[in-house]
Amino acid sequence: MLAVLVDPDKYNADLIYLAEKNKTSCFLVGGSELKKNNITAVIKDIKKRTKLPVIIFPGDEKQVTSAADGIFILSLLSGNNPEYLIGKHLKATPLIKKAQLPSLPVAYVLVDGGKKSTTEKVSKTKPLNAKDIISIKNTSITGELLGFKAVYLEAGSGAGRTVNAKVVREVKKNIGIPLIVGGGIDSFEKAKQIISCGGNMIVVGNALEKNIELIIEIGKAFN
C-alpha cells in the first residue's frame, strides 16, 4: 500500500486528486510540530476531495479529531522518553474515546536517516543506528510481542537516506504483523526496493511537499 502523509501546516489540496489517481491507498495527516491549529479543517477538506481513508498520524495528544476515519496510536519504542512511550497516549485517550475513532496501535521505530529528524528533536530521543540490524530487528519483534498491530520503520521526514533494504528484509522476516516504512522515499527506485524487501506500506510525505508530481513516479512502483 502507498500512504501519503500530509502535514497540515504545508497542506496542498492539489496533491489529493493527483495522489488518488496514482495508487495511493490512504492519507495520513499529522506532524511532529504543528504551528497551525488546522488539522480538523485539513482533514475535512481532504475528505471533500477523496473517498480514500484519512487517518491521523499524531505528533501529540492535541492532534485528535472526529473528522478522521481512524488514528494510529504511535509508541516510540526506539527511544527512552516515557512521554512518547505512554505519556502522550494517556492524555489523548479521553479525546480518542469521545471521537469514537478506530485505532491501530503501531510500534514506532526511528532509524538514523543521515540527518537529525523533527521526531528526534521533539521527542528528545536518539534514533537506532542504521547499521545495527540486530537492535532494529529486536525492537520490532518486541513491538509485536507487546501486542502492537504494525511496525513502522521511520528514517525521519526528509531523511538523507531510506531505511536500508537489508534492515527491511530482516525485520519483515522476523515479524508476523504489517511493516510500514517511511522517510527519504523520493523516487521510483527507492519505493520499488522497499516493496521488494517486503514492506507492506510505504509512506511518502516530505518529498511531495517539494514536488507533488513525484507521486506519479512513485505510484508506478505499485503497478
C-alpha atoms as a PDB file:
ATOM      1  CA  MET A   1       0.000   0.000   0.000  1.00  0.00           C
ATOM      2  CA  LEU A   2       1.036   3.590  -0.629  1.00  0.00           C
ATOM      3  CA  ALA A   3       0.173   6.186   2.007  1.00  0.00           C
ATOM      4  CA  VAL A   4       0.610   9.924   1.530  1.00  0.00           C
ATOM      5  CA  LEU A   5       1.494  11.813   4.712  1.00  0.00           C
ATOM      6  CA  VAL A   6       0.034  15.323   4.825  1.00  0.00           C
ATOM      7  CA  ASP A   7       1.482  17.953   7.154  1.00  0.00           C
ATOM      8  CA  PRO A   8      -1.433  20.316   7.905  1.00  0.00           C
ATOM      9  CA  ASP A   9       0.985  23.266   8.056  1.00  0.00           C
ATOM     10  CA  LYS A  10       2.023  22.591   4.441  1.00  0.00           C
ATOM     11  CA  TYR A  11      -1.263  21.334   3.007  1.00  0.00           C
ATOM     12  CA  ASN A  12      -1.548  21.410  -0.785  1.00  0.00           C
ATOM     13  CA  ALA A  13      -5.068  20.485  -1.914  1.00  0.00           C
ATOM     14  CA  ASP A  14      -3.845  19.774  -5.470  1.00  0.00           C
ATOM     15  CA  LEU A  15      -1.934  16.748  -4.173  1.00  0.00           C
ATOM     16  CA  ILE A  16      -5.084  14.893  -3.090  1.00  0.00           C
ATOM     17  CA  TYR A  17      -6.593  14.311  -6.529  1.00  0.00           C
ATOM     18  CA  LEU A  18      -3.192  13.503  -8.040  1.00  0.00           C
ATOM     19  CA  ALA A  19      -2.377  11.015  -5.280  1.00  0.00           C
ATOM     20  CA  GLU A  20      -5.724   9.240  -5.622  1.00  0.00           C
ATOM     21  CA  LYS A  21      -5.063   8.724  -9.328  1.00  0.00           C
ATOM     22  CA  ASN A  22      -1.610   7.252  -8.677  1.00  0.00           C
ATOM     23  CA  LYS A  23      -2.031   4.164  -6.485  1.00  0.00           C
ATOM     24  CA  THR A  24      -2.467   5.908  -3.114  1.00  0.00           C
ATOM     25  CA  SER A  25      -4.441   3.763  -0.646  1.00  0.00           C
ATOM     26  CA  CYS A  26      -4.921   6.268   2.182  1.00  0.00           C
ATOM     27  CA  PHE A  27      -3.892   9.635   3.555  1.00  0.00           C
ATOM     28  CA  LEU A  28      -2.128  10.118   6.884  1.00  0.00           C
ATOM     29  CA  VAL A  29      -2.482  13.556   8.480  1.00  0.00           C
ATOM     30  CA  GLY A  30      -0.343  14.984  11.278  1.00  0.00           C
ATOM     31  CA  GLY A  31       3.144  16.100  12.216  1.00  0.00           C
ATOM     32  CA  SER A  32       5.726  16.243  14.972  1.00  0.00           C
ATOM     33  CA  GLU A  33       5.403  20.016  15.369  1.00  0.00           C
ATOM     34  CA  LEU A  34       2.274  21.784  14.105  1.00  0.00           C
ATOM     35  CA  LYS A  35       2.189  25.576  14.241  1.00  0.00           C
ATOM     36  CA  LYS A  36      -1.344  25.940  12.899  1.00  0.00           C
ATOM     37  CA  ASN A  37      -4.397  24.595  14.708  1.00  0.00           C
ATOM     38  CA  ASN A  38      -5.986  23.380  11.485  1.00  0.00           C
ATOM     39  CA  ILE A  39      -5.881  19.580  11.476  1.00  0.00           C
ATOM     40  CA  THR A  40      -9.691  19.275  11.555  1.00  0.00           C
ATOM     41  CA  ALA A  41     -10.128  21.743   8.691  1.00  0.00           C
ATOM     42  CA  VAL A  42      -7.478  19.999   6.596  1.00  0.00           C
ATOM     43  CA  ILE A  43      -8.994  16.547   7.137  1.00  0.00           C
ATOM     44  CA  LYS A  44     -12.454  17.826   6.227  1.00  0.00           C
ATOM     45  CA  ASP A  45     -11.093  19.371   3.046  1.00  0.00           C
ATOM     46  CA  ILE A  46      -9.280  16.161   2.080  1.00  0.00           C
ATOM     47  CA  LYS A  47     -12.495  14.169   2.607  1.00  0.00           C
ATOM     48  CA  LYS A  48     -14.321  16.544   0.263  1.00  0.00           C
ATOM     49  CA  ARG A  49     -11.837  15.624  -2.451  1.00  0.00           C
ATOM     50  CA  THR A  50     -11.486  11.853  -1.993  1.00  0.00           C
ATOM     51  CA  LYS A  51     -13.238   8.772  -0.655  1.00  0.00           C
ATOM     52  CA  LEU A  52      -9.955   7.202   0.435  1.00  0.00           C
ATOM     53  CA  PRO A  53      -9.465   6.726   4.203  1.00  0.00           C
ATOM     54  CA  VAL A  54      -7.977   9.665   6.100  1.00  0.00           C
ATOM     55  CA  ILE A  55      -6.065   8.558   9.206  1.00  0.00           C
ATOM     56  CA  ILE A  56      -4.494  10.711  11.911  1.00  0.00           C
ATOM     57  CA  PHE A  57      -0.729  10.319  12.294  1.00  0.00           C
ATOM     58  CA  PRO A  58      -0.434  12.202  15.584  1.00  0.00           C
ATOM     59  CA  GLY A  59       2.617  14.037  16.826  1.00  0.00           C
ATOM     60  CA  ASP A  60       0.933  14.767  20.149  1.00  0.00           C
ATOM     61  CA  GLU A  61      -2.342  14.478  22.069  1.00  0.00           C
ATOM     62  CA  LYS A  62      -3.794  17.639  20.506  1.00  0.00           C
ATOM     63  CA  GLN A  63      -3.956  16.071  17.058  1.00  0.00           C
ATOM     64  CA  VAL A  64      -7.240  14.235  17.602  1.00  0.00           C
ATOM     65  CA  THR A  65     -10.452  14.950  15.703  1.00  0.00           C
ATOM     66  CA  SER A  66     -13.633  13.046  14.909  1.00  0.00           C
ATOM     67  CA  ALA A  67     -13.352  14.257  11.299  1.00  0.00           C
ATOM     68  CA  ALA A  68     -10.871  11.444  10.560  1.00  0.00           C
ATOM     69  CA  ASP A  69     -11.613   7.798   9.745  1.00  0.00           C
ATOM     70  CA  GLY A  70      -9.133   6.483  12.296  1.00  0.00           C
ATOM     71  CA  ILE A  71      -5.895   7.106  14.170  1.00  0.00           C
ATOM     72  CA  PHE A  72      -2.511   5.462  14.559  1.00  0.00           C
ATOM     73  CA  ILE A  73      -1.544   5.022  18.213  1.00  0.00           C
ATOM     74  CA  LEU A  74       2.213   5.503  17.850  1.00  0.00           C
ATOM     75  CA  SER A  75       4.563   4.382  20.619  1.00  0.00           C
ATOM     76  CA  LEU A  76       8.216   5.338  20.115  1.00  0.00           C
ATOM     77  CA  LEU A  77       9.869   2.075  21.124  1.00  0.00           C
ATOM     78  CA  SER A  78      13.284   3.115  19.809  1.00  0.00           C
ATOM     79  CA  GLY A  79      13.519   5.943  22.344  1.00  0.00           C
ATOM     80  CA  ASN A  80      13.607   6.079  26.121  1.00  0.00           C
ATOM     81  CA  ASN A  81      11.317   9.060  26.698  1.00  0.00           C
ATOM     82  CA  PRO A  82       8.246   7.862  28.656  1.00  0.00           C
ATOM     83  CA  GLU A  83       6.178  10.739  27.241  1.00  0.00           C
ATOM     84  CA  TYR A  84       6.343   9.156  23.787  1.00  0.00           C
ATOM     85  CA  LEU A  85       6.049   5.600  25.037  1.00  0.00           C
ATOM     86  CA  ILE A  86       2.845   6.113  27.065  1.00  0.00           C
ATOM     87  CA  GLY A  87       2.552   9.683  28.442  1.00  0.00           C
ATOM     88  CA  LYS A  88       1.061  11.362  25.383  1.00  0.00           C
ATOM     89  CA  HIS A  89      -1.280   8.417  24.933  1.00  0.00           C
ATOM     90  CA  LEU A  90      -2.798   8.847  28.391  1.00  0.00           C
ATOM     91  CA  LYS A  91      -3.589  12.463  27.547  1.00  0.00           C
ATOM     92  CA  ALA A  92      -5.086  11.550  24.173  1.00  0.00           C
ATOM     93  CA  THR A  93      -7.221   8.617  25.352  1.00  0.00           C
ATOM     94  CA  PRO A  94     -10.285  10.632  26.503  1.00  0.00           C
ATOM     95  CA  LEU A  95     -10.273  12.555  23.229  1.00  0.00           C
ATOM     96  CA  ILE A  96      -9.964   9.405  21.114  1.00  0.00           C
ATOM     97  CA  LYS A  97     -12.789   7.707  23.013  1.00  0.00           C
ATOM     98  CA  LYS A  98     -15.003  10.772  22.731  1.00  0.00           C
ATOM     99  CA  ALA A  99     -14.361  10.999  18.988  1.00  0.00           C
ATOM    100  CA  GLN A 100     -15.063   7.236  18.654  1.00  0.00           C
ATOM    101  CA  LEU A 101     -12.040   6.842  16.409  1.00  0.00           C
ATOM    102  CA  PRO A 102     -10.999   3.366  15.264  1.00  0.00           C
ATOM    103  CA  SER A 103      -7.352   2.969  16.268  1.00  0.00           C
ATOM    104  CA  LEU A 104      -4.320   0.961  15.222  1.00  0.00           C
ATOM    105  CA  PRO A 105      -1.503   0.542  17.781  1.00  0.00           C
ATOM    106  CA  VAL A 106       1.810   0.950  15.958  1.00  0.00           C
ATOM    107  CA  ALA A 107       5.347   0.262  17.230  1.00  0.00           C
ATOM    108  CA  TYR A 108       7.247   3.318  16.038  1.00  0.00           C
ATOM    109  CA  VAL A 109      10.943   2.600  15.402  1.00  0.00           C
ATOM    110  CA  LEU A 110      13.108   5.593  14.494  1.00  0.00           C
ATOM    111  CA  VAL A 111      16.192   4.701  12.441  1.00  0.00           C
ATOM    112  CA  ASP A 112      19.038   7.108  11.667  1.00  0.00           C
ATOM    113  CA  GLY A 113      18.323   8.607   8.236  1.00  0.00           C
ATOM    114  CA  GLY A 114      21.502  10.652   7.930  1.00  0.00           C
ATOM    115  CA  LYS A 115      20.171  13.910   9.402  1.00  0.00           C
ATOM    116  CA  LYS A 116      18.536  14.982  12.650  1.00  0.00           C
ATOM    117  CA  SER A 117      14.793  14.496  12.206  1.00  0.00           C
ATOM    118  CA  THR A 118      11.984  16.555  13.697  1.00  0.00           C
ATOM    119  CA  THR A 119      10.864  13.435  15.562  1.00  0.00           C
ATOM    120  CA  GLU A 120      14.288  13.189  17.199  1.00  0.00           C
ATOM    121  CA  LYS A 121      14.253  16.867  18.193  1.00  0.00           C
ATOM    122  CA  VAL A 122      10.719  16.891  19.573  1.00  0.00           C
ATOM    123  CA  SER A 123      10.844  13.541  21.382  1.00  0.00           C
ATOM    124  CA  LYS A 124      14.388  14.180  22.671  1.00  0.00           C
ATOM    125  CA  THR A 125      15.381  10.624  21.738  1.00  0.00           C
ATOM    126  CA  LYS A 126      18.095   9.172  19.557  1.00  0.00           C
ATOM    127  CA  PRO A 127      17.353   7.009  16.509  1.00  0.00           C
ATOM    128  CA  LEU A 128      18.724   3.482  16.267  1.00  0.00           C
ATOM    129  CA  ASN A 129      21.955   3.081  14.333  1.00  0.00           C
ATOM    130  CA  ALA A 130      21.009   2.330  10.727  1.00  0.00           C
ATOM    131  CA  LYS A 131      23.669  -0.412  10.549  1.00  0.00           C
ATOM    132  CA  ASP A 132      22.625  -2.106  13.787  1.00  0.00           C
ATOM    133  CA  ILE A 133      20.277  -4.616  12.203  1.00  0.00           C
ATOM    134  CA  ILE A 134      20.029  -6.714  15.383  1.00  0.00           C
ATOM    135  CA  SER A 135      18.778  -3.813  17.525  1.00  0.00           C
ATOM    136  CA  ILE A 136      16.275  -2.699  14.903  1.00  0.00           C
ATOM    137  CA  LYS A 137      15.049  -6.262  14.416  1.00  0.00           C
ATOM    138  CA  ASN A 138      14.728  -6.946  18.150  1.00  0.00           C
ATOM    139  CA  THR A 139      12.930  -3.653  18.788  1.00  0.00           C
ATOM    140  CA  SER A 140      10.446  -4.535  16.052  1.00  0.00           C
ATOM    141  CA  ILE A 141       9.919  -8.052  17.399  1.00  0.00           C
ATOM    142  CA  THR A 142       9.387  -6.583  20.867  1.00  0.00           C
ATOM    143  CA  GLY A 143       6.632  -4.391  19.421  1.00  0.00           C
ATOM    144  CA  GLU A 144       4.846  -7.463  18.117  1.00  0.00           C
ATOM    145  CA  LEU A 145       5.272  -9.305  21.438  1.00  0.00           C
ATOM    146  CA  LEU A 146       3.787  -6.313  23.264  1.00  0.00           C
ATOM    147  CA  GLY A 147       0.679  -6.542  21.106  1.00  0.00           C
ATOM    148  CA  PHE A 148       1.182  -3.799  18.547  1.00  0.00           C
ATOM    149  CA  LYS A 149      -0.619  -4.442  15.267  1.00  0.00           C
ATOM    150  CA  ALA A 150       2.033  -2.967  12.951  1.00  0.00           C
ATOM    151  CA  VAL A 151       5.667  -1.838  12.981  1.00  0.00           C
ATOM    152  CA  TYR A 152       6.704   1.490  11.474  1.00  0.00           C
ATOM    153  CA  LEU A 153      10.372   1.808  10.470  1.00  0.00           C
ATOM    154  CA  GLU A 154      10.941   5.557  10.129  1.00  0.00           C
ATOM    155  CA  ALA A 155      14.074   7.235   8.800  1.00  0.00           C
ATOM    156  CA  GLY A 156      12.650  10.678   9.533  1.00  0.00           C
ATOM    157  CA  SER A 157      10.976  13.383   7.485  1.00  0.00           C
ATOM    158  CA  GLY A 158      13.205  14.438   4.607  1.00  0.00           C
ATOM    159  CA  ALA A 159      15.796  11.809   5.518  1.00  0.00           C
ATOM    160  CA  GLY A 160      19.034  11.746   3.579  1.00  0.00           C
ATOM    161  CA  ARG A 161      18.637   8.000   3.117  1.00  0.00           C
ATOM    162  CA  THR A 162      15.852   5.461   3.434  1.00  0.00           C
ATOM    163  CA  VAL A 163      15.815   2.530   5.835  1.00  0.00           C
ATOM    164  CA  ASN A 164      18.365   0.057   4.472  1.00  0.00           C
ATOM    165  CA  ALA A 165      16.987  -2.757   2.311  1.00  0.00           C
ATOM    166  CA  LYS A 166      18.727  -5.393   4.455  1.00  0.00           C
ATOM    167  CA  VAL A 167      17.048  -3.973   7.553  1.00  0.00           C
ATOM    168  CA  VAL A 168      13.596  -4.025   5.952  1.00  0.00           C
ATOM    169  CA  ARG A 169      14.093  -7.600   4.758  1.00  0.00           C
ATOM    170  CA  GLU A 170      15.357  -8.832   8.131  1.00  0.00           C
ATOM    171  CA  VAL A 171      12.566  -7.175  10.122  1.00  0.00           C
ATOM    172  CA  LYS A 172       9.884  -8.435   7.753  1.00  0.00           C
ATOM    173  CA  LYS A 173      11.272 -11.969   8.006  1.00  0.00           C
ATOM    174  CA  ASN A 174      11.001 -11.913  11.792  1.00  0.00           C
ATOM    175  CA  ILE A 175       7.584 -10.359  12.444  1.00  0.00           C
ATOM    176  CA  GLY A 176       4.081 -11.555  11.657  1.00  0.00           C
ATOM    177  CA  ILE A 177       2.406  -8.141  11.533  1.00  0.00           C
ATOM    178  CA  PRO A 178       2.354  -5.499   8.772  1.00  0.00           C
ATOM    179  CA  LEU A 179       5.535  -3.499   8.200  1.00  0.00           C
ATOM    180  CA  ILE A 180       5.283   0.210   7.378  1.00  0.00           C
ATOM    181  CA  VAL A 181       8.342   2.056   6.048  1.00  0.00           C
ATOM    182  CA  GLY A 182       8.830   5.800   5.670  1.00  0.00           C
ATOM    183  CA  GLY A 183      11.433   8.527   5.413  1.00  0.00           C
ATOM    184  CA  GLY A 184      13.565   9.551   2.443  1.00  0.00           C
ATOM    185  CA  ILE A 185      11.455   7.727  -0.163  1.00  0.00           C
ATOM    186  CA  ASP A 186      11.625  10.162  -3.065  1.00  0.00           C
ATOM    187  CA  SER A 187      11.929   8.034  -6.219  1.00  0.00           C
ATOM    188  CA  PHE A 188      10.530   5.048  -8.083  1.00  0.00           C
ATOM    189  CA  GLU A 189      13.704   3.084  -7.358  1.00  0.00           C
ATOM    190  CA  LYS A 190      13.564   3.595  -3.592  1.00  0.00           C
ATOM    191  CA  ALA A 191       9.875   2.731  -3.417  1.00  0.00           C
ATOM    192  CA  LYS A 192      10.374  -0.395  -5.539  1.00  0.00           C
ATOM    193  CA  GLN A 193      13.257  -1.534  -3.345  1.00  0.00           C
ATOM    194  CA  ILE A 194      11.202  -1.276  -0.139  1.00  0.00           C
ATOM    195  CA  ILE A 195       8.358  -3.204  -1.797  1.00  0.00           C
ATOM    196  CA  SER A 196      10.727  -5.935  -2.988  1.00  0.00           C
ATOM    197  CA  CYS A 197      12.074  -6.322   0.562  1.00  0.00           C
ATOM    198  CA  GLY A 198       8.611  -6.958   1.984  1.00  0.00           C
ATOM    199  CA  GLY A 199       7.331  -3.563   3.139  1.00  0.00           C
ATOM    200  CA  ASN A 200       3.519  -3.691   3.386  1.00  0.00           C
ATOM    201  CA  MET A 201       3.018   0.075   3.356  1.00  0.00           C
ATOM    202  CA  ILE A 202       5.257   2.874   2.120  1.00  0.00           C
ATOM    203  CA  VAL A 203       4.739   6.381   3.478  1.00  0.00           C
ATOM    204  CA  VAL A 204       5.725   9.402   1.387  1.00  0.00           C
ATOM    205  CA  GLY A 205       5.370  12.944   2.653  1.00  0.00           C
ATOM    206  CA  ASN A 206       8.199  15.467   2.670  1.00  0.00           C
ATOM    207  CA  ALA A 207       9.259  14.748  -0.921  1.00  0.00           C
ATOM    208  CA  LEU A 208       5.736  15.563  -2.169  1.00  0.00           C
ATOM    209  CA  GLU A 209       5.778  18.920  -0.389  1.00  0.00           C
ATOM    210  CA  LYS A 210       8.578  19.911  -2.760  1.00  0.00           C
ATOM    211  CA  ASN A 211       7.094  18.343  -5.900  1.00  0.00           C
ATOM    212  CA  ILE A 212       3.571  16.877  -5.917  1.00  0.00           C
ATOM    213  CA  GLU A 213       4.118  15.310  -9.354  1.00  0.00           C
ATOM    214  CA  LEU A 214       6.641  12.942  -7.790  1.00  0.00           C
ATOM    215  CA  ILE A 215       3.621  10.853  -6.732  1.00  0.00           C
ATOM    216  CA  ILE A 216       3.201   9.844 -10.394  1.00  0.00           C
ATOM    217  CA  GLU A 217       6.705   8.314 -10.458  1.00  0.00           C
ATOM    218  CA  ILE A 218       6.365   6.651  -7.053  1.00  0.00           C
ATOM    219  CA  GLY A 219       2.926   5.321  -7.908  1.00  0.00           C
ATOM    220  CA  LYS A 220       4.412   3.368 -10.826  1.00  0.00           C
ATOM    221  CA  ALA A 221       6.281   1.190  -8.318  1.00  0.00           C
ATOM    222  CA  PHE A 222       2.900  -0.255  -7.312  1.00  0.00           C
ATOM    223  CA  ASN A 223       1.864  -1.381 -10.805  1.00  0.00           C
END
